[in-house]
C-alpha atoms as a PDB file:
ATOM      1  CA  MET A   1      -9.815 -45.924  44.910  1.00  0.00           C
ATOM      2  CA  LEU A   2      -7.727 -42.788  45.316  1.00  0.00           C
ATOM      3  CA  ARG A   3      -9.961 -41.050  42.766  1.00  0.00           C
ATOM      4  CA  TYR A   4     -13.064 -41.734  44.881  1.00  0.00           C
ATOM      5  CA  ILE A   5     -11.391 -40.439  48.022  1.00  0.00           C
ATOM      6  CA  TRP A   6     -10.421 -37.274  46.144  1.00  0.00           C
ATOM      7  CA  LEU A   7     -14.005 -36.801  44.864  1.00  0.00           C
ATOM      8  CA  ILE A   8     -15.450 -37.251  48.344  1.00  0.00           C
ATOM      9  CA  GLY A   9     -12.997 -34.680  49.724  1.00  0.00           C
ATOM     10  CA  LEU A  10     -13.909 -32.260  46.942  1.00  0.00           C
ATOM     11  CA  ALA A  11     -17.623 -32.733  47.616  1.00  0.00           C
ATOM     12  CA  ILE A  12     -17.152 -31.999  51.308  1.00  0.00           C
ATOM     13  CA  CYS A  13     -15.173 -28.830  50.544  1.00  0.00           C
ATOM     14  CA  LEU A  14     -17.685 -27.598  47.975  1.00  0.00           C
ATOM     15  CA  SER A  15     -20.626 -28.175  50.293  1.00  0.00           C
ATOM     16  CA  GLY A  16     -19.369 -25.319  52.481  1.00  0.00           C
ATOM     17  CA  CYS A  17     -18.672 -22.819  49.694  1.00  0.00           C
ATOM     18  CA  THR A  18     -20.752 -19.773  48.870  1.00  0.00           C
ATOM     19  CA  TRP A  19     -20.833 -19.041  45.151  1.00  0.00           C
ATOM     20  CA  VAL A  20     -23.126 -16.012  45.011  1.00  0.00           C
ATOM     21  CA  LYS A  21     -21.577 -12.560  45.298  1.00  0.00           C
ATOM     22  CA  LEU A  22     -23.372  -9.489  46.610  1.00  0.00           C
ATOM     23  CA  THR A  23     -23.524  -6.738  43.991  1.00  0.00           C
ATOM     24  CA  GLU A  24     -22.743  -3.128  44.767  1.00  0.00           C
ATOM     25  CA  ALA A  25     -26.458  -2.304  44.489  1.00  0.00           C
ATOM     26  CA  GLY A  26     -27.338  -5.304  46.671  1.00  0.00           C
ATOM     27  CA  GLU A  27     -25.070  -3.979  49.419  1.00  0.00           C
ATOM     28  CA  ALA A  28     -27.565  -1.122  49.921  1.00  0.00           C
ATOM     29  CA  VAL A  29     -30.390  -3.593  50.679  1.00  0.00           C
ATOM     30  CA  SER A  30     -30.800  -4.836  54.238  1.00  0.00           C
ATOM     31  CA  VAL A  31     -32.654  -7.835  55.623  1.00  0.00           C
ATOM     32  CA  ALA A  32     -35.235  -6.947  58.285  1.00  0.00           C
ATOM     33  CA  GLU A  33     -38.023  -8.546  60.304  1.00  0.00           C
ATOM     34  CA  ALA A  34     -41.674  -7.782  59.588  1.00  0.00           C
ATOM     35  CA  ASP A  35     -42.050  -5.573  62.671  1.00  0.00           C
ATOM     36  CA  ALA A  36     -39.356  -3.176  61.374  1.00  0.00           C
ATOM     37  CA  ILE A  37     -41.067  -2.058  58.147  1.00  0.00           C
ATOM     38  CA  SER A  38     -44.139  -0.158  59.386  1.00  0.00           C
ATOM     39  CA  GLU A  39     -42.970   3.070  57.726  1.00  0.00           C
ATOM     40  CA  CYS A  40     -41.974   1.390  54.448  1.00  0.00           C
ATOM     41  CA  THR A  41     -43.602   1.071  51.040  1.00  0.00           C
ATOM     42  CA  ARG A  42     -43.938  -2.398  49.519  1.00  0.00           C
ATOM     43  CA  VAL A  43     -42.415  -2.503  46.031  1.00  0.00           C
ATOM     44  CA  GLY A  44     -42.613  -6.183  45.129  1.00  0.00           C
ATOM     45  CA  ILE A  45     -41.920  -9.835  45.783  1.00  0.00           C
ATOM     46  CA  VAL A  46     -38.553 -11.507  45.236  1.00  0.00           C
ATOM     47  CA  THR A  47     -38.024 -15.258  45.016  1.00  0.00           C
ATOM     48  CA  ALA A  48     -34.467 -16.510  45.384  1.00  0.00           C
ATOM     49  CA  ARG A  49     -33.306 -19.999  44.371  1.00  0.00           C
ATOM     50  CA  THR A  50     -29.969 -21.704  44.843  1.00  0.00           C
ATOM     51  CA  GLY A  51     -28.567 -25.200  44.684  1.00  0.00           C
ATOM     52  CA  GLU A  52     -29.298 -27.156  47.819  1.00  0.00           C
ATOM     53  CA  ARG A  53     -27.028 -29.963  46.675  1.00  0.00           C
ATOM     54  CA  ILE A  54     -23.634 -29.939  45.012  1.00  0.00           C
ATOM     55  CA  ILE A  55     -22.782 -33.633  44.935  1.00  0.00           C
ATOM     56  CA  THR A  56     -23.769 -33.722  48.622  1.00  0.00           C
ATOM     57  CA  GLU A  57     -26.152 -31.784  50.853  1.00  0.00           C
ATOM     58  CA  ARG A  58     -24.974 -28.228  51.494  1.00  0.00           C
ATOM     59  CA  LYS A  59     -24.955 -26.657  54.932  1.00  0.00           C
ATOM     60  CA  LEU A  60     -28.208 -24.845  55.656  1.00  0.00           C
ATOM     61  CA  ASP A  61     -26.453 -21.652  56.789  1.00  0.00           C
ATOM     62  CA  LYS A  62     -24.626 -21.429  53.426  1.00  0.00           C
ATOM     63  CA  VAL A  63     -27.860 -22.009  51.512  1.00  0.00           C
ATOM     64  CA  ASN A  64     -29.596 -19.291  53.569  1.00  0.00           C
ATOM     65  CA  GLU A  65     -26.677 -16.907  53.050  1.00  0.00           C
ATOM     66  CA  GLU A  66     -26.907 -17.372  49.277  1.00  0.00           C
ATOM     67  CA  LEU A  67     -30.687 -16.923  49.309  1.00  0.00           C
ATOM     68  CA  HIS A  68     -30.351 -13.631  51.199  1.00  0.00           C
ATOM     69  CA  THR A  69     -27.616 -12.450  48.837  1.00  0.00           C
ATOM     70  CA  LEU A  70     -29.646 -13.327  45.739  1.00  0.00           C
ATOM     71  CA  ALA A  71     -32.739 -11.651  47.195  1.00  0.00           C
ATOM     72  CA  ARG A  72     -30.806  -8.483  48.096  1.00  0.00           C
ATOM     73  CA  ASN A  73     -29.344  -8.306  44.580  1.00  0.00           C
ATOM     74  CA  GLU A  74     -32.796  -8.747  43.001  1.00  0.00           C
ATOM     75  CA  ALA A  75     -34.474  -6.286  45.394  1.00  0.00           C
ATOM     76  CA  ALA A  76     -31.965  -3.633  44.330  1.00  0.00           C
ATOM     77  CA  ASN A  77     -33.323  -4.021  40.777  1.00  0.00           C
ATOM     78  CA  LEU A  78     -36.744  -3.024  42.175  1.00  0.00           C
ATOM     79  CA  ASN A  79     -35.228   0.068  43.854  1.00  0.00           C
ATOM     80  CA  ALA A  80     -35.930  -1.511  47.239  1.00  0.00           C
ATOM     81  CA  ASP A  81     -33.658  -0.966  50.224  1.00  0.00           C
ATOM     82  CA  THR A  82     -35.066  -3.616  52.569  1.00  0.00           C
ATOM     83  CA  ILE A  83     -36.262  -7.200  52.267  1.00  0.00           C
ATOM     84  CA  VAL A  84     -38.302  -9.253  54.716  1.00  0.00           C
ATOM     85  CA  PRO A  85     -38.514 -13.056  54.507  1.00  0.00           C
ATOM     86  CA  LEU A  86     -42.032 -14.055  53.473  1.00  0.00           C
ATOM     87  CA  SER A  87     -41.371 -17.794  53.704  1.00  0.00           C
ATOM     88  CA  HIS A  88     -38.827 -20.221  55.082  1.00  0.00           C
ATOM     89  CA  GLU A  89     -36.214 -21.876  52.880  1.00  0.00           C
ATOM     90  CA  THR A  90     -37.700 -24.888  51.110  1.00  0.00           C
ATOM     91  CA  ASP A  91     -35.763 -26.990  48.592  1.00  0.00           C
ATOM     92  CA  GLY A  92     -33.237 -24.197  48.014  1.00  0.00           C
ATOM     93  CA  ALA A  93     -35.854 -21.451  47.469  1.00  0.00           C
ATOM     94  CA  GLN A  94     -37.217 -18.616  49.593  1.00  0.00           C
ATOM     95  CA  THR A  95     -39.604 -15.721  48.984  1.00  0.00           C
ATOM     96  CA  PHE A  96     -39.073 -12.192  50.304  1.00  0.00           C
ATOM     97  CA  THR A  97     -41.107  -8.988  50.241  1.00  0.00           C
ATOM     98  CA  ALA A  98     -39.148  -5.980  48.999  1.00  0.00           C
ATOM     99  CA  TYR A  99     -39.679  -2.525  50.558  1.00  0.00           C
ATOM    100  CA  ARG A 100     -38.470   1.028  50.117  1.00  0.00           C
ATOM    101  CA  CYS A 101     -37.941   2.467  53.604  1.00  0.00           C
ATOM    102  CA  HIS A 102     -35.580   5.414  53.144  1.00  0.00           C
END
């Protein structure tokens, strides 16, 4: 019984954790709204995916934070400096358009 209580406690703690780290290159990429990129050049599409469940459902804000971090890291590989959400988060995935604005 004690083992199950410990596992439930662990699951609750893990559901709030963020596992994805922003790279140095990803730090140079910002997240913007579509109305802020009129002077930018589109350089590609980035799709980010993360685990929506780790034993239990994860908090939506943590999932969104990881998706933005993953997208910023990937956009840096395209030499982009800005991303704009192209879709909403669905099943732990989200698509972004990557732009070069500066």
